[in-house]
C-alpha atoms as a PDB file:
ATOM      1  CA  MET A   1     -74.559 135.655 311.601  1.00  0.00           C
ATOM      2  CA  GLN A   2     -71.563 133.755 310.156  1.00  0.00           C
ATOM      3  CA  ARG A   3     -72.553 130.055 308.596  1.00  0.00           C
ATOM      4  CA  ARG A   4     -69.807 128.463 310.840  1.00  0.00           C
ATOM      5  CA  ILE A   5     -71.520 130.067 314.322  1.00  0.00           C
ATOM      6  CA  LEU A   6     -74.240 128.243 313.573  1.00  0.00           C
ATOM      7  CA  LEU A   7     -72.584 125.185 312.583  1.00  0.00           C
ATOM      8  CA  GLN A   8     -70.890 124.749 315.906  1.00  0.00           C
ATOM      9  CA  ILE A   9     -73.935 125.743 317.544  1.00  0.00           C
ATOM     10  CA  ALA A  10     -75.762 123.127 315.885  1.00  0.00           C
ATOM     11  CA  GLY A  11     -73.021 120.973 316.685  1.00  0.00           C
ATOM     12  CA  ILE A  12     -73.241 121.149 320.529  1.00  0.00           C
ATOM     13  CA  LEU A  13     -76.700 121.062 320.415  1.00  0.00           C
ATOM     14  CA  ALA A  14     -77.088 117.523 318.586  1.00  0.00           C
ATOM     15  CA  ALA A  15     -73.916 116.637 320.832  1.00  0.00           C
ATOM     16  CA  ALA A  16     -75.889 117.690 324.033  1.00  0.00           C
ATOM     17  CA  ARG A  17     -78.896 115.210 322.662  1.00  0.00           C
ATOM     18  CA  ALA A  18     -77.148 112.600 321.583  1.00  0.00           C
ATOM     19  CA  GLY A  19     -75.843 112.447 325.557  1.00  0.00           C
ATOM     20  CA  LYS A  20     -79.369 112.804 326.767  1.00  0.00           C
ATOM     21  CA  ALA A  21     -80.868 110.773 324.325  1.00  0.00           C
ATOM     22  CA  GLN A  22     -78.456 108.085 326.209  1.00  0.00           C
ATOM     23  CA  GLN A  23     -79.469 109.129 329.522  1.00  0.00           C
ATOM     24  CA  THR A  24     -82.984 108.784 329.397  1.00  0.00           C
ATOM     25  CA  ALA A  25     -84.726 105.838 327.931  1.00  0.00           C
ATOM     26  CA  VAL A  26     -87.877 108.352 326.246  1.00  0.00           C
ATOM     27  CA  ARG A  27     -87.367 110.528 323.960  1.00  0.00           C
ATOM     28  CA  ASP A  28     -89.631 113.384 322.497  1.00  0.00           C
ATOM     29  CA  ALA A  29     -89.050 113.714 319.421  1.00  0.00           C
ATOM     30  CA  GLU A  30     -91.321 116.856 318.325  1.00  0.00           C
ATOM     31  CA  SER A  31     -89.254 118.955 320.998  1.00  0.00           C
ATOM     32  CA  GLY A  32     -86.795 121.253 319.547  1.00  0.00           C
ATOM     33  CA  VAL A  33     -84.130 123.406 320.423  1.00  0.00           C
ATOM     34  CA  THR A  34     -85.198 125.703 323.123  1.00  0.00           C
ATOM     35  CA  PRO A  35     -83.818 129.345 323.454  1.00  0.00           C
ATOM     36  CA  GLU A  36     -81.703 128.806 326.900  1.00  0.00           C
ATOM     37  CA  GLN A  37     -80.320 125.583 325.048  1.00  0.00           C
ATOM     38  CA  VAL A  38     -78.770 127.521 322.514  1.00  0.00           C
ATOM     39  CA  ALA A  39     -78.131 130.914 325.276  1.00  0.00           C
ATOM     40  CA  THR A  40     -76.304 127.819 327.127  1.00  0.00           C
ATOM     41  CA  ALA A  41     -74.129 126.951 323.747  1.00  0.00           C
ATOM     42  CA  LEU A  42     -73.268 130.536 322.627  1.00  0.00           C
ATOM     43  CA  LYS A  43     -71.883 131.010 326.299  1.00  0.00           C
ATOM     44  CA  LEU A  44     -69.585 127.816 325.831  1.00  0.00           C
ATOM     45  CA  LEU A  45     -68.365 129.401 322.124  1.00  0.00           C
ATOM     46  CA  LYS A  46     -67.751 132.736 324.472  1.00  0.00           C
ATOM     47  CA  LEU A  47     -70.082 134.412 321.909  1.00  0.00           C
ATOM     48  CA  ASP A  48     -73.068 137.212 322.943  1.00  0.00           C
ATOM     49  CA  PHE A  49     -76.396 137.199 321.225  1.00  0.00           C
ATOM     50  CA  SER A  50     -79.301 139.333 321.566  1.00  0.00           C
ATOM     51  CA  GLU A  51     -82.370 137.716 322.458  1.00  0.00           C
ATOM     52  CA  GLU A  52     -83.838 138.477 318.910  1.00  0.00           C
ATOM     53  CA  GLN A  53     -80.811 137.027 317.238  1.00  0.00           C
ATOM     54  CA  ILE A  54     -81.299 133.952 319.309  1.00  0.00           C
ATOM     55  CA  GLN A  55     -84.898 133.630 318.272  1.00  0.00           C
ATOM     56  CA  MET A  56     -83.682 134.236 314.604  1.00  0.00           C
ATOM     57  CA  MET A  57     -81.452 131.267 315.017  1.00  0.00           C
ATOM     58  CA  LEU A  58     -83.834 128.726 316.557  1.00  0.00           C
ATOM     59  CA  PRO A  59     -86.006 127.568 312.883  1.00  0.00           C
ATOM     60  CA  GLY A  60     -82.239 126.997 311.492  1.00  0.00           C
ATOM     61  CA  LEU A  61     -80.823 125.046 314.526  1.00  0.00           C
ATOM     62  CA  ASN A  62     -83.874 123.108 314.515  1.00  0.00           C
ATOM     63  CA  GLN A  63     -83.847 122.296 310.937  1.00  0.00           C
ATOM     64  CA  SER A  64     -80.180 121.332 311.293  1.00  0.00           C
ATOM     65  CA  LEU A  65     -80.979 118.996 314.297  1.00  0.00           C
ATOM     66  CA  LYS A  66     -83.968 117.204 312.425  1.00  0.00           C
ATOM     67  CA  GLY A  67     -81.114 116.448 309.484  1.00  0.00           C
ATOM     68  CA  TYR A  68     -78.728 115.143 312.246  1.00  0.00           C
ATOM     69  CA  GLU A  69     -81.278 113.003 314.071  1.00  0.00           C
ATOM     70  CA  ALA A  70     -82.201 111.327 310.460  1.00  0.00           C
ATOM     71  CA  LEU A  71     -78.578 110.608 310.036  1.00  0.00           C
ATOM     72  CA  ARG A  72     -78.700 108.396 313.651  1.00  0.00           C
ATOM     73  CA  GLN A  73     -81.721 106.762 312.135  1.00  0.00           C
ATOM     74  CA  LEU A  74     -79.935 105.222 309.489  1.00  0.00           C
ATOM     75  CA  PRO A  75     -79.114 101.839 309.990  1.00  0.00           C
ATOM     76  CA  VAL A  76     -75.303 101.102 309.311  1.00  0.00           C
ATOM     77  CA  PRO A  77     -74.159  97.540 309.960  1.00  0.00           C
ATOM     78  CA  LEU A  78     -71.094  97.097 312.206  1.00  0.00           C
ATOM     79  CA  ASP A  79     -69.334  95.068 309.161  1.00  0.00           C
ATOM     80  CA  THR A  80     -70.134  98.472 306.683  1.00  0.00           C
ATOM     81  CA  GLU A  81     -66.520  99.776 305.376  1.00  0.00           C
ATOM     82  CA  PRO A  82     -65.268 102.894 305.932  1.00  0.00           C
ATOM     83  CA  ALA A  83     -65.533 105.162 302.771  1.00  0.00           C
ATOM     84  CA  PHE A  84     -62.453 105.959 301.421  1.00  0.00           C
ATOM     85  CA  SER A  85     -62.521 107.627 299.074  1.00  0.00           C
ATOM     86  CA  PHE A  86     -65.373 110.289 297.706  1.00  0.00           C
ATOM     87  CA  HIS A  87     -66.653 109.620 294.220  1.00  0.00           C
ATOM     88  CA  PRO A  88     -68.581 113.019 293.384  1.00  0.00           C
ATOM     89  CA  GLY A  89     -69.887 112.328 289.974  1.00  0.00           C
ATOM     90  CA  LEU A  90     -72.982 113.645 288.756  1.00  0.00           C
ATOM     91  CA  PRO A  91     -76.083 111.565 287.766  1.00  0.00           C
ATOM     92  CA  GLY A  92     -75.778 109.431 284.621  1.00  0.00           C
ATOM     93  CA  ARG A  93     -72.057 110.296 284.225  1.00  0.00           C
ATOM     94  CA  LYS A  94     -69.716 107.054 284.040  1.00  0.00           C
ATOM     95  CA  SER A  95     -66.360 106.957 285.887  1.00  0.00           C
ATOM     96  CA  PRO A  96     -63.337 106.298 283.964  1.00  0.00           C
ATOM     97  CA  ASP A  97     -62.662 102.177 283.934  1.00  0.00           C
ATOM     98  CA  ARG A  98     -59.029 102.852 285.470  1.00  0.00           C
ATOM     99  CA  ALA A  99     -57.470 105.100 287.810  1.00  0.00           C
ATOM    100  CA  ALA A 100     -55.869 108.052 285.854  1.00  0.00           C
ATOM    101  CA  ARG A 101     -51.988 108.388 286.273  1.00  0.00           C
ATOM    102  CA  PHE A 102     -50.173 111.422 286.905  1.00  0.00           C
ATOM    103  CA  LYS A 103     -48.008 112.971 284.185  1.00  0.00           C
ATOM    104  CA  PRO A 104     -46.291 116.095 285.184  1.00  0.00           C
ATOM    105  CA  LEU A 105     -46.097 118.804 283.101  1.00  0.00           C
ATOM    106  CA  LEU A 106     -42.628 119.082 281.835  1.00  0.00           C
ATOM    107  CA  ARG A 107     -41.549 122.857 281.613  1.00  0.00           C
ATOM    108  CA  ARG A 108     -38.918 124.065 279.644  1.00  0.00           C
ATOM    109  CA  SER A 109     -36.260 125.939 281.961  1.00  0.00           C
ATOM    110  CA  SER A 110     -37.351 129.912 282.491  1.00  0.00           C
ATOM    111  CA  GLY A 111     -33.348 130.732 280.937  1.00  0.00           C
ATOM    112  CA  ARG A 112     -33.086 133.016 284.366  1.00  0.00           C
ATOM    113  CA  SER A 113     -29.300 132.624 285.344  1.00  0.00           C
ATOM    114  CA  TRP A 114     -27.876 132.050 288.774  1.00  0.00           C
ATOM    115  CA  GLN A 115     -24.711 132.108 290.213  1.00  0.00           C
ATOM    116  CA  GLN A 116     -24.944 130.665 293.526  1.00  0.00           C
ATOM    117  CA  ILE A 117     -27.815 128.584 295.274  1.00  0.00           C
ATOM    118  CA  GLU A 118     -29.084 131.955 297.134  1.00  0.00           C
ATOM    119  CA  ASP A 119     -30.082 133.421 294.232  1.00  0.00           C
ATOM    120  CA  LEU A 120     -32.789 130.387 293.467  1.00  0.00           C
ATOM    121  CA  ALA A 121     -34.425 131.009 296.827  1.00  0.00           C
ATOM    122  CA  PHE A 122     -37.315 133.428 295.316  1.00  0.00           C
ATOM    123  CA  TRP A 123     -37.992 130.926 292.347  1.00  0.00           C
ATOM    124  CA  SER A 124     -41.038 129.362 291.644  1.00  0.00           C
ATOM    125  CA  VAL A 125     -41.241 125.995 292.272  1.00  0.00           C
ATOM    126  CA  SER A 126     -41.810 126.033 288.605  1.00  0.00           C
ATOM    127  CA  ASP A 127     -38.771 128.104 287.838  1.00  0.00           C
ATOM    128  CA  LEU A 128     -37.148 125.162 290.266  1.00  0.00           C
ATOM    129  CA  ALA A 129     -38.405 122.001 288.621  1.00  0.00           C
ATOM    130  CA  PRO A 130     -36.893 121.994 285.582  1.00  0.00           C
ATOM    131  CA  LEU A 131     -33.265 122.599 287.376  1.00  0.00           C
ATOM    132  CA  LEU A 132     -34.006 119.663 289.500  1.00  0.00           C
ATOM    133  CA  ARG A 133     -35.013 117.577 286.769  1.00  0.00           C
ATOM    134  CA  ALA A 134     -32.290 117.956 284.626  1.00  0.00           C
ATOM    135  CA  LYS A 135     -30.093 117.577 287.519  1.00  0.00           C
ATOM    136  CA  LYS A 136     -28.154 120.660 288.051  1.00  0.00           C
ATOM    137  CA  ILE A 137     -29.435 121.269 291.477  1.00  0.00           C
ATOM    138  CA  THR A 138     -30.091 118.637 294.092  1.00  0.00           C
ATOM    139  CA  SER A 139     -33.485 118.654 296.612  1.00  0.00           C
ATOM    140  CA  SER A 140     -30.537 118.398 299.310  1.00  0.00           C
ATOM    141  CA  ALA A 141     -29.114 121.644 298.287  1.00  0.00           C
ATOM    142  CA  LEU A 142     -32.092 123.737 297.750  1.00  0.00           C
ATOM    143  CA  THR A 143     -32.654 122.078 301.606  1.00  0.00           C
ATOM    144  CA  ARG A 144     -29.987 123.087 303.376  1.00  0.00           C
ATOM    145  CA  MET A 145     -30.353 126.827 301.367  1.00  0.00           C
ATOM    146  CA  TYR A 146     -33.899 127.114 302.831  1.00  0.00           C
ATOM    147  CA  LEU A 147     -32.748 125.355 306.087  1.00  0.00           C
ATOM    148  CA  ASP A 148     -29.806 127.949 306.297  1.00  0.00           C
ATOM    149  CA  ARG A 149     -32.569 130.923 305.722  1.00  0.00           C
ATOM    150  CA  LEU A 150     -34.999 129.873 308.333  1.00  0.00           C
ATOM    151  CA  ARG A 151     -32.149 130.134 310.908  1.00  0.00           C
ATOM    152  CA  LYS A 152     -31.115 133.542 310.219  1.00  0.00           C
ATOM    153  CA  TYR A 153     -34.524 135.084 309.264  1.00  0.00           C
ATOM    154  CA  GLY A 154     -36.684 133.112 311.337  1.00  0.00           C
ATOM    155  CA  PRO A 155     -35.838 134.993 314.784  1.00  0.00           C
ATOM    156  CA  LYS A 156     -36.105 138.179 312.662  1.00  0.00           C
ATOM    157  CA  LEU A 157     -39.389 137.537 311.534  1.00  0.00           C
ATOM    158  CA  ASN A 158     -41.141 135.674 314.301  1.00  0.00           C
ATOM    159  CA  CYS A 159     -42.188 133.117 311.429  1.00  0.00           C
ATOM    160  CA  VAL A 160     -40.620 129.868 312.589  1.00  0.00           C
ATOM    161  CA  ILE A 161     -41.461 127.178 315.193  1.00  0.00           C
ATOM    162  CA  THR A 162     -40.142 124.347 314.915  1.00  0.00           C
ATOM    163  CA  ILE A 163     -37.864 123.555 312.459  1.00  0.00           C
ATOM    164  CA  THR A 164     -37.572 119.390 311.455  1.00  0.00           C
ATOM    165  CA  GLU A 165     -34.079 119.283 309.926  1.00  0.00           C
ATOM    166  CA  ASP A 166     -33.052 115.989 309.895  1.00  0.00           C
ATOM    167  CA  LEU A 167     -36.731 114.985 308.545  1.00  0.00           C
ATOM    168  CA  ALA A 168     -36.442 117.669 305.765  1.00  0.00           C
ATOM    169  CA  LEU A 169     -32.533 116.740 304.899  1.00  0.00           C
ATOM    170  CA  GLU A 170     -33.667 112.981 304.761  1.00  0.00           C
ATOM    171  CA  GLN A 171     -36.758 113.814 302.531  1.00  0.00           C
ATOM    172  CA  ALA A 172     -34.762 115.582 300.282  1.00  0.00           C
ATOM    173  CA  ALA A 173     -31.891 112.996 299.794  1.00  0.00           C
ATOM    174  CA  THR A 174     -34.437 110.526 299.194  1.00  0.00           C
ATOM    175  CA  ALA A 175     -35.837 112.893 296.370  1.00  0.00           C
ATOM    176  CA  ASP A 176     -32.530 113.050 294.937  1.00  0.00           C
ATOM    177  CA  ALA A 177     -32.252 109.452 294.944  1.00  0.00           C
ATOM    178  CA  GLU A 178     -35.299 108.485 293.122  1.00  0.00           C
ATOM    179  CA  ILE A 179     -34.643 111.218 290.406  1.00  0.00           C
ATOM    180  CA  ARG A 180     -30.957 109.922 289.945  1.00  0.00           C
ATOM    181  CA  ARG A 181     -33.099 106.756 289.394  1.00  0.00           C
ATOM    182  CA  GLY A 182     -35.195 108.533 286.715  1.00  0.00           C
ATOM    183  CA  LYS A 183     -38.156 108.644 288.819  1.00  0.00           C
ATOM    184  CA  TYR A 184     -39.288 111.894 288.784  1.00  0.00           C
ATOM    185  CA  ARG A 185     -42.334 112.878 290.300  1.00  0.00           C
ATOM    186  CA  GLY A 186     -43.108 116.268 289.249  1.00  0.00           C
ATOM    187  CA  PRO A 187     -42.344 119.773 290.185  1.00  0.00           C
ATOM    188  CA  LEU A 188     -42.780 119.365 294.074  1.00  0.00           C
ATOM    189  CA  HIS A 189     -40.779 116.062 293.725  1.00  0.00           C
END
């Protein structure tokens, strides 16, 4: 059985138990997830499992539920600020004192030649970046070329839902202005 399905079931059951806890003043801490509750959750997810499979799920679901219950018991003051960053450092390792700075890898041009902008349609970002940095092509020109290709091939390939042309051209013009001012942000600029 897929881990994703177990997590979905555990989430539904945890939410159901939290709602039940709010409705009743007394809560039985020892009670676990019942096969009937699992069957109901599976029905909500439009999944079909045998009784034997449901019985196999119960220990894992009850263990997950205990973990959720333990998290709910942690005291979190109302003035606690949310965590805006995650630092998965290993114990005993010190993090750098200052933030890392991005230094774009300035790759040289691949030496490939092109005559018209459509020749660039299948070039990789790392091949296009030196052209943008050297101002041999603009973000706006590339964006217009790709927008034209989307209009031309989108209906044939059935691969386009919404084209946000104005936003794309505005962002490309902003990138071009920054590059002209010498602020090159890297290959995805």
